[in-house]
């Protein structure tokens, strides 16, 4: 099951990521298992209109599924209308970089020695590069 803006989930995910979570400024999308336990999620920050930043953390194996990925991209691109989604990732976080690459993110900038385990890599995806942007026909706007 997916949850939106559960403060406890935002606090937990942000704690894993080492970032602040501000409920009235950030949006949290989380997935919980059948027992109600948090599996992982995304925190959206720094919404500027044309862009938004996303941070992700998994707390249990196999926490990502099609439903959470669909909402991950639907929220910024369709609901907010952003032109790009950014994500800062440590170069030492090969798992996240691999997942992000498979989702259509690409590196746009690198800042050396930002994290203890490596550089800061800024990755982005846009509606044109996002494979999850294929909306079902009944949800597309009429031309």
N, C-alpha and C. Protein backbone atom coordinates (compact mmCIF):
# COMPACT_ATOMS: atom_id res chain seq x y z
N UNK A 1 0.84 -1.16 0.00
CA UNK A 1 0.00 0.00 0.00
C UNK A 1 0.90 1.24 0.00
N UNK A 2 0.40 2.30 -0.64
CA UNK A 2 1.14 3.55 -0.67
C UNK A 2 0.50 4.56 0.26
N UNK A 3 1.33 5.39 0.86
CA UNK A 3 0.85 6.48 1.72
C UNK A 3 1.47 7.77 1.23
N UNK A 4 0.76 8.86 1.49
CA UNK A 4 1.24 10.18 1.11
C UNK A 4 1.26 11.07 2.33
N UNK A 5 2.38 11.70 2.58
CA UNK A 5 2.56 12.70 3.63
C UNK A 5 2.28 12.20 5.05
N UNK A 6 2.69 10.97 5.33
CA UNK A 6 2.66 10.46 6.70
C UNK A 6 3.93 10.99 7.37
N UNK A 7 3.76 11.84 8.35
CA UNK A 7 4.89 12.53 8.97
C UNK A 7 5.92 11.54 9.53
N UNK A 8 5.47 10.50 10.19
CA UNK A 8 6.41 9.52 10.75
C UNK A 8 7.24 8.87 9.65
N UNK A 9 6.65 8.62 8.50
CA UNK A 9 7.40 8.04 7.38
C UNK A 9 8.43 9.04 6.86
N UNK A 10 8.03 10.30 6.75
CA UNK A 10 8.97 11.33 6.31
C UNK A 10 10.16 11.45 7.23
N UNK A 11 9.90 11.43 8.53
CA UNK A 11 10.97 11.53 9.52
C UNK A 11 11.91 10.33 9.40
N UNK A 12 11.36 9.13 9.25
CA UNK A 12 12.18 7.92 9.16
C UNK A 12 13.01 7.92 7.88
N UNK A 13 12.38 8.21 6.75
CA UNK A 13 13.10 8.22 5.48
C UNK A 13 14.18 9.29 5.49
N UNK A 14 13.85 10.48 5.96
CA UNK A 14 14.84 11.56 6.04
C UNK A 14 16.00 11.18 6.96
N UNK A 15 15.70 10.49 8.05
CA UNK A 15 16.75 10.05 8.97
C UNK A 15 17.72 9.10 8.31
N UNK A 16 17.20 8.19 7.49
CA UNK A 16 18.07 7.26 6.76
C UNK A 16 18.94 8.02 5.77
N UNK A 17 18.36 9.03 5.13
CA UNK A 17 19.07 9.80 4.12
C UNK A 17 20.01 10.86 4.70
N UNK A 18 19.78 11.23 5.95
CA UNK A 18 20.56 12.29 6.57
C UNK A 18 20.18 13.68 6.07
N UNK A 19 18.90 13.84 5.74
CA UNK A 19 18.39 15.14 5.29
C UNK A 19 17.27 15.57 6.21
N UNK A 20 16.94 16.86 6.22
CA UNK A 20 15.79 17.30 7.02
C UNK A 20 14.48 16.94 6.33
N UNK A 21 13.45 16.77 7.13
CA UNK A 21 12.09 16.59 6.59
C UNK A 21 11.22 17.65 7.23
N UNK A 22 10.65 18.50 6.41
CA UNK A 22 9.81 19.59 6.89
C UNK A 22 8.40 19.34 6.33
N UNK A 23 7.48 18.86 7.16
CA UNK A 23 6.17 18.44 6.67
C UNK A 23 5.40 19.47 5.84
N UNK A 24 5.46 20.73 6.19
CA UNK A 24 4.69 21.71 5.43
C UNK A 24 5.42 22.20 4.17
N UNK A 25 6.64 21.71 3.95
CA UNK A 25 7.41 22.10 2.75
C UNK A 25 7.73 20.93 1.84
N UNK A 26 7.79 19.73 2.39
CA UNK A 26 8.19 18.55 1.63
C UNK A 26 7.01 17.58 1.50
N UNK A 27 7.05 16.80 0.44
CA UNK A 27 6.05 15.75 0.22
C UNK A 27 6.75 14.42 0.36
N UNK A 28 6.12 13.50 1.09
CA UNK A 28 6.69 12.16 1.23
C UNK A 28 5.72 11.15 0.63
N UNK A 29 6.27 10.26 -0.16
CA UNK A 29 5.54 9.15 -0.76
C UNK A 29 6.17 7.88 -0.19
N UNK A 30 5.38 7.06 0.46
CA UNK A 30 5.94 5.88 1.11
C UNK A 30 5.15 4.63 0.77
N UNK A 31 5.83 3.50 0.89
CA UNK A 31 5.18 2.20 0.69
C UNK A 31 5.26 1.43 1.99
N UNK A 32 4.13 0.85 2.37
CA UNK A 32 4.09 0.02 3.57
C UNK A 32 3.70 -1.39 3.18
N UNK A 33 4.14 -2.35 3.98
CA UNK A 33 3.81 -3.75 3.69
C UNK A 33 2.45 -4.11 4.30
N UNK A 34 2.06 -5.36 4.15
CA UNK A 34 0.75 -5.81 4.64
C UNK A 34 0.61 -5.71 6.15
N UNK A 35 1.73 -5.67 6.86
CA UNK A 35 1.70 -5.54 8.32
C UNK A 35 1.74 -4.08 8.77
N UNK A 36 1.74 -3.15 7.81
CA UNK A 36 1.77 -1.73 8.14
C UNK A 36 3.15 -1.18 8.41
N UNK A 37 4.19 -1.94 8.09
CA UNK A 37 5.56 -1.48 8.32
C UNK A 37 6.09 -0.74 7.10
N UNK A 38 6.81 0.33 7.34
CA UNK A 38 7.40 1.14 6.29
C UNK A 38 8.46 0.34 5.54
N UNK A 39 8.33 0.30 4.21
CA UNK A 39 9.29 -0.42 3.37
C UNK A 39 10.32 0.52 2.75
N UNK A 40 9.91 1.76 2.47
CA UNK A 40 10.78 2.73 1.84
C UNK A 40 9.95 3.84 1.23
N UNK A 41 10.64 4.81 0.63
CA UNK A 41 9.87 5.87 0.02
C UNK A 41 10.73 6.99 -0.55
N UNK A 42 10.04 8.04 -0.94
CA UNK A 42 10.64 9.19 -1.59
C UNK A 42 10.24 10.46 -0.85
N UNK A 43 11.15 11.40 -0.79
CA UNK A 43 10.84 12.73 -0.27
C UNK A 43 11.11 13.73 -1.39
N UNK A 44 10.10 14.53 -1.69
CA UNK A 44 10.22 15.58 -2.70
C UNK A 44 10.53 16.89 -1.98
N UNK A 45 11.57 17.58 -2.44
CA UNK A 45 11.99 18.85 -1.85
C UNK A 45 12.28 19.86 -2.95
N UNK A 46 12.50 21.09 -2.55
CA UNK A 46 13.01 22.13 -3.44
C UNK A 46 12.22 22.30 -4.73
N UNK A 47 10.90 22.32 -4.60
CA UNK A 47 10.04 22.57 -5.76
C UNK A 47 10.18 24.03 -6.19
N UNK A 48 10.54 24.25 -7.46
CA UNK A 48 10.73 25.61 -7.97
C UNK A 48 9.71 26.00 -9.02
N UNK A 49 8.86 25.09 -9.42
CA UNK A 49 7.95 25.30 -10.54
C UNK A 49 8.43 24.47 -11.72
N UNK A 50 9.58 24.84 -12.32
CA UNK A 50 10.10 24.02 -13.42
C UNK A 50 10.80 22.73 -12.97
N UNK A 51 11.20 22.66 -11.69
CA UNK A 51 11.92 21.46 -11.24
C UNK A 51 11.54 21.11 -9.81
N UNK A 52 11.91 19.88 -9.45
CA UNK A 52 11.73 19.39 -8.08
C UNK A 52 12.87 18.41 -7.82
N UNK A 53 13.27 18.31 -6.57
CA UNK A 53 14.32 17.38 -6.17
C UNK A 53 13.67 16.20 -5.45
N UNK A 54 14.18 15.00 -5.71
CA UNK A 54 13.66 13.80 -5.05
C UNK A 54 14.82 13.07 -4.37
N UNK A 55 14.52 12.50 -3.20
CA UNK A 55 15.46 11.68 -2.44
C UNK A 55 14.77 10.35 -2.19
N UNK A 56 15.51 9.24 -2.26
CA UNK A 56 14.87 7.94 -2.04
C UNK A 56 15.64 7.09 -1.05
N UNK A 57 14.88 6.27 -0.33
CA UNK A 57 15.50 5.35 0.63
C UNK A 57 14.65 4.10 0.75
N UNK A 58 15.29 2.97 0.64
CA UNK A 58 14.64 1.69 0.87
C UNK A 58 15.01 1.17 2.24
N UNK A 59 14.01 0.71 2.97
CA UNK A 59 14.25 0.17 4.31
C UNK A 59 14.14 -1.35 4.33
N UNK A 60 13.48 -1.91 3.32
CA UNK A 60 13.32 -3.36 3.20
C UNK A 60 13.59 -3.76 1.75
N UNK A 61 14.02 -4.99 1.55
CA UNK A 61 14.24 -5.45 0.17
C UNK A 61 12.93 -5.38 -0.64
N UNK A 62 13.08 -5.17 -1.91
CA UNK A 62 11.94 -5.15 -2.84
C UNK A 62 10.89 -4.12 -2.47
N UNK A 63 11.33 -2.97 -1.98
CA UNK A 63 10.38 -1.95 -1.56
C UNK A 63 9.76 -1.19 -2.73
N UNK A 64 10.45 -1.17 -3.85
CA UNK A 64 9.89 -0.50 -5.02
C UNK A 64 9.01 -1.45 -5.81
N UNK A 65 7.89 -0.94 -6.25
CA UNK A 65 7.04 -1.70 -7.15
C UNK A 65 6.50 -0.74 -8.21
N UNK A 66 5.73 -1.27 -9.14
CA UNK A 66 5.20 -0.44 -10.23
C UNK A 66 4.33 0.70 -9.72
N UNK A 67 3.55 0.43 -8.69
CA UNK A 67 2.64 1.47 -8.18
C UNK A 67 3.40 2.67 -7.64
N UNK A 68 4.42 2.43 -6.83
CA UNK A 68 5.15 3.56 -6.25
C UNK A 68 5.97 4.28 -7.33
N UNK A 69 6.48 3.53 -8.31
CA UNK A 69 7.22 4.18 -9.39
C UNK A 69 6.30 5.03 -10.25
N UNK A 70 5.10 4.55 -10.48
CA UNK A 70 4.16 5.33 -11.27
C UNK A 70 3.86 6.66 -10.57
N UNK A 71 3.59 6.61 -9.26
CA UNK A 71 3.30 7.84 -8.52
C UNK A 71 4.54 8.73 -8.44
N UNK A 72 5.72 8.13 -8.30
CA UNK A 72 6.96 8.88 -8.27
C UNK A 72 7.07 9.82 -9.46
N UNK A 73 6.68 9.37 -10.63
CA UNK A 73 6.79 10.19 -11.82
C UNK A 73 5.50 10.95 -12.15
N UNK A 74 4.37 10.41 -11.80
CA UNK A 74 3.10 11.10 -12.04
C UNK A 74 3.01 12.39 -11.24
N UNK A 75 3.37 12.33 -9.97
CA UNK A 75 3.25 13.51 -9.10
C UNK A 75 4.01 14.72 -9.65
N UNK A 76 5.31 14.63 -9.92
CA UNK A 76 6.00 15.83 -10.39
C UNK A 76 5.65 16.21 -11.83
N UNK A 77 5.57 15.23 -12.72
CA UNK A 77 5.40 15.57 -14.13
C UNK A 77 3.96 15.90 -14.53
N UNK A 78 2.99 15.18 -14.00
CA UNK A 78 1.61 15.44 -14.37
C UNK A 78 0.89 16.36 -13.39
N UNK A 79 1.03 16.10 -12.11
CA UNK A 79 0.31 16.92 -11.14
C UNK A 79 0.94 18.30 -10.95
N UNK A 80 2.27 18.35 -10.85
CA UNK A 80 2.95 19.63 -10.65
C UNK A 80 3.37 20.28 -11.97
N UNK A 81 3.54 19.50 -13.00
CA UNK A 81 3.94 20.03 -14.29
C UNK A 81 5.39 20.45 -14.39
N UNK A 82 6.28 19.82 -13.60
CA UNK A 82 7.69 20.20 -13.67
C UNK A 82 8.31 19.71 -14.98
N UNK A 83 9.39 20.36 -15.37
CA UNK A 83 10.10 20.01 -16.59
C UNK A 83 11.23 19.03 -16.34
N UNK A 84 11.69 18.99 -15.07
CA UNK A 84 12.75 18.03 -14.73
C UNK A 84 12.71 17.70 -13.25
N UNK A 85 13.11 16.47 -12.96
CA UNK A 85 13.24 16.01 -11.59
C UNK A 85 14.72 15.74 -11.36
N UNK A 86 15.25 16.31 -10.27
CA UNK A 86 16.65 16.18 -9.92
C UNK A 86 16.81 15.27 -8.71
N UNK A 87 17.97 14.65 -8.60
CA UNK A 87 18.28 13.83 -7.43
C UNK A 87 19.77 13.91 -7.15
N UNK A 88 20.15 14.33 -5.93
CA UNK A 88 21.56 14.29 -5.55
C UNK A 88 21.90 12.91 -4.99
N UNK A 89 22.96 12.30 -5.49
CA UNK A 89 23.34 10.95 -5.06
C UNK A 89 24.84 10.90 -4.87
N UNK A 90 25.29 10.21 -3.85
CA UNK A 90 26.72 10.01 -3.64
C UNK A 90 27.26 9.05 -4.68
N UNK A 91 28.46 9.33 -5.19
CA UNK A 91 29.08 8.43 -6.16
C UNK A 91 29.37 7.07 -5.54
N UNK A 92 29.43 7.01 -4.21
CA UNK A 92 29.63 5.74 -3.52
C UNK A 92 28.37 4.90 -3.39
N UNK A 93 27.23 5.47 -3.75
CA UNK A 93 25.95 4.76 -3.63
C UNK A 93 25.61 4.12 -4.97
N UNK A 94 26.30 3.04 -5.27
CA UNK A 94 26.15 2.37 -6.56
C UNK A 94 24.76 1.77 -6.75
N UNK A 95 24.13 1.34 -5.67
CA UNK A 95 22.78 0.76 -5.78
C UNK A 95 21.80 1.81 -6.28
N UNK A 96 21.79 2.97 -5.63
CA UNK A 96 20.87 4.03 -6.04
C UNK A 96 21.18 4.52 -7.45
N UNK A 97 22.44 4.67 -7.77
CA UNK A 97 22.82 5.12 -9.11
C UNK A 97 22.36 4.12 -10.17
N UNK A 98 22.45 2.84 -9.87
CA UNK A 98 22.00 1.81 -10.81
C UNK A 98 20.49 1.84 -11.01
N UNK A 99 19.77 1.97 -9.90
CA UNK A 99 18.31 2.05 -9.98
C UNK A 99 17.92 3.29 -10.78
N UNK A 100 18.52 4.42 -10.43
CA UNK A 100 18.18 5.68 -11.09
C UNK A 100 18.46 5.60 -12.60
N UNK A 101 19.55 4.99 -12.97
CA UNK A 101 19.88 4.85 -14.39
C UNK A 101 18.81 4.04 -15.11
N UNK A 102 18.37 2.95 -14.50
CA UNK A 102 17.33 2.12 -15.12
C UNK A 102 15.99 2.85 -15.21
N UNK A 103 15.79 3.84 -14.35
CA UNK A 103 14.54 4.61 -14.37
C UNK A 103 14.60 5.78 -15.36
N UNK A 104 15.76 6.02 -15.95
CA UNK A 104 15.87 7.08 -16.95
C UNK A 104 16.60 8.33 -16.48
N UNK A 105 17.17 8.30 -15.27
CA UNK A 105 17.95 9.44 -14.80
C UNK A 105 19.33 9.40 -15.46
N UNK A 106 19.92 10.58 -15.65
CA UNK A 106 21.27 10.67 -16.19
C UNK A 106 22.05 11.72 -15.42
N UNK A 107 23.36 11.57 -15.39
CA UNK A 107 24.21 12.51 -14.67
C UNK A 107 24.27 13.84 -15.41
N UNK A 108 24.12 14.94 -14.65
CA UNK A 108 24.23 16.28 -15.25
C UNK A 108 25.32 17.12 -14.59
N UNK A 109 25.74 16.75 -13.40
CA UNK A 109 26.81 17.49 -12.71
C UNK A 109 27.45 16.61 -11.65
N UNK A 110 28.69 16.97 -11.32
CA UNK A 110 29.43 16.25 -10.28
C UNK A 110 30.22 17.26 -9.47
N UNK A 111 30.13 17.13 -8.14
CA UNK A 111 30.89 18.00 -7.24
C UNK A 111 31.78 17.09 -6.40
N UNK A 112 33.08 17.24 -6.50
CA UNK A 112 34.00 16.35 -5.79
C UNK A 112 33.92 16.49 -4.27
N UNK A 113 34.10 15.36 -3.59
CA UNK A 113 34.32 15.29 -2.14
C UNK A 113 33.22 15.90 -1.29
N UNK A 114 31.97 15.73 -1.68
CA UNK A 114 30.86 16.25 -0.89
C UNK A 114 30.46 15.25 0.20
N UNK A 115 30.51 13.97 -0.13
CA UNK A 115 30.12 12.93 0.82
C UNK A 115 31.35 12.19 1.33
N UNK A 116 31.20 11.53 2.46
CA UNK A 116 32.30 10.75 3.02
C UNK A 116 32.73 9.64 2.07
N UNK A 117 31.76 9.10 1.30
CA UNK A 117 32.07 7.98 0.41
C UNK A 117 32.19 8.40 -1.06
N UNK A 118 32.28 9.72 -1.33
CA UNK A 118 32.49 10.11 -2.72
C UNK A 118 31.96 11.47 -3.09
N UNK A 119 31.85 11.65 -4.39
CA UNK A 119 31.38 12.91 -4.95
C UNK A 119 29.86 12.99 -4.91
N UNK A 120 29.35 14.21 -5.01
CA UNK A 120 27.93 14.41 -5.22
C UNK A 120 27.68 14.33 -6.71
N UNK A 121 26.81 13.45 -7.11
CA UNK A 121 26.40 13.36 -8.51
C UNK A 121 24.97 13.86 -8.58
N UNK A 122 24.75 14.87 -9.38
CA UNK A 122 23.39 15.38 -9.60
C UNK A 122 22.86 14.70 -10.85
N UNK A 123 21.74 13.98 -10.68
CA UNK A 123 21.13 13.29 -11.80
C UNK A 123 19.77 13.91 -12.07
N UNK A 124 19.30 13.76 -13.29
CA UNK A 124 18.00 14.31 -13.64
C UNK A 124 17.26 13.38 -14.58
N UNK A 125 15.94 13.56 -14.60
CA UNK A 125 15.11 12.94 -15.62
C UNK A 125 14.07 13.96 -16.03
N UNK A 126 13.61 13.82 -17.24
CA UNK A 126 12.60 14.72 -17.79
C UNK A 126 11.47 13.87 -18.36
N UNK A 127 10.35 14.48 -18.68
CA UNK A 127 9.29 13.68 -19.30
C UNK A 127 9.75 12.95 -20.55
N UNK A 128 10.66 13.54 -21.32
CA UNK A 128 11.13 12.90 -22.55
C UNK A 128 12.00 11.68 -22.29
N UNK A 129 12.71 11.65 -21.15
CA UNK A 129 13.62 10.53 -20.87
C UNK A 129 13.04 9.52 -19.88
N UNK A 130 11.87 9.81 -19.35
CA UNK A 130 11.26 8.95 -18.32
C UNK A 130 10.39 7.87 -18.95
N UNK A 131 10.75 6.62 -18.76
CA UNK A 131 9.97 5.53 -19.35
C UNK A 131 8.63 5.34 -18.66
N UNK A 132 8.44 5.94 -17.50
CA UNK A 132 7.18 5.80 -16.77
C UNK A 132 6.17 6.87 -17.16
N UNK A 133 6.49 7.69 -18.16
CA UNK A 133 5.60 8.77 -18.56
C UNK A 133 4.48 8.31 -19.48
N UNK A 134 4.48 7.07 -19.85
CA UNK A 134 3.42 6.57 -20.73
C UNK A 134 2.15 6.37 -19.91
N UNK A 135 1.30 7.35 -19.94
CA UNK A 135 0.04 7.31 -19.19
C UNK A 135 -1.00 6.48 -19.93
N UNK A 136 -1.85 5.78 -19.20
CA UNK A 136 -2.95 5.07 -19.87
C UNK A 136 -3.79 6.07 -20.66
N UNK A 137 -4.37 5.62 -21.76
CA UNK A 137 -5.13 6.50 -22.66
C UNK A 137 -6.23 7.26 -21.91
N UNK A 138 -6.91 6.62 -20.98
CA UNK A 138 -8.01 7.28 -20.29
C UNK A 138 -7.55 8.42 -19.39
N UNK A 139 -6.26 8.53 -19.13
CA UNK A 139 -5.74 9.59 -18.26
C UNK A 139 -5.08 10.72 -19.04
N UNK A 140 -4.96 10.56 -20.35
CA UNK A 140 -4.33 11.60 -21.16
C UNK A 140 -5.32 12.72 -21.43
N UNK A 141 -4.81 13.93 -21.52
CA UNK A 141 -5.66 15.07 -21.84
C UNK A 141 -6.06 15.00 -23.32
N UNK A 142 -7.26 15.40 -23.60
CA UNK A 142 -7.71 15.42 -24.99
C UNK A 142 -6.93 16.49 -25.75
N UNK A 143 -6.59 16.19 -26.97
CA UNK A 143 -5.82 17.15 -27.78
C UNK A 143 -6.67 18.30 -28.26
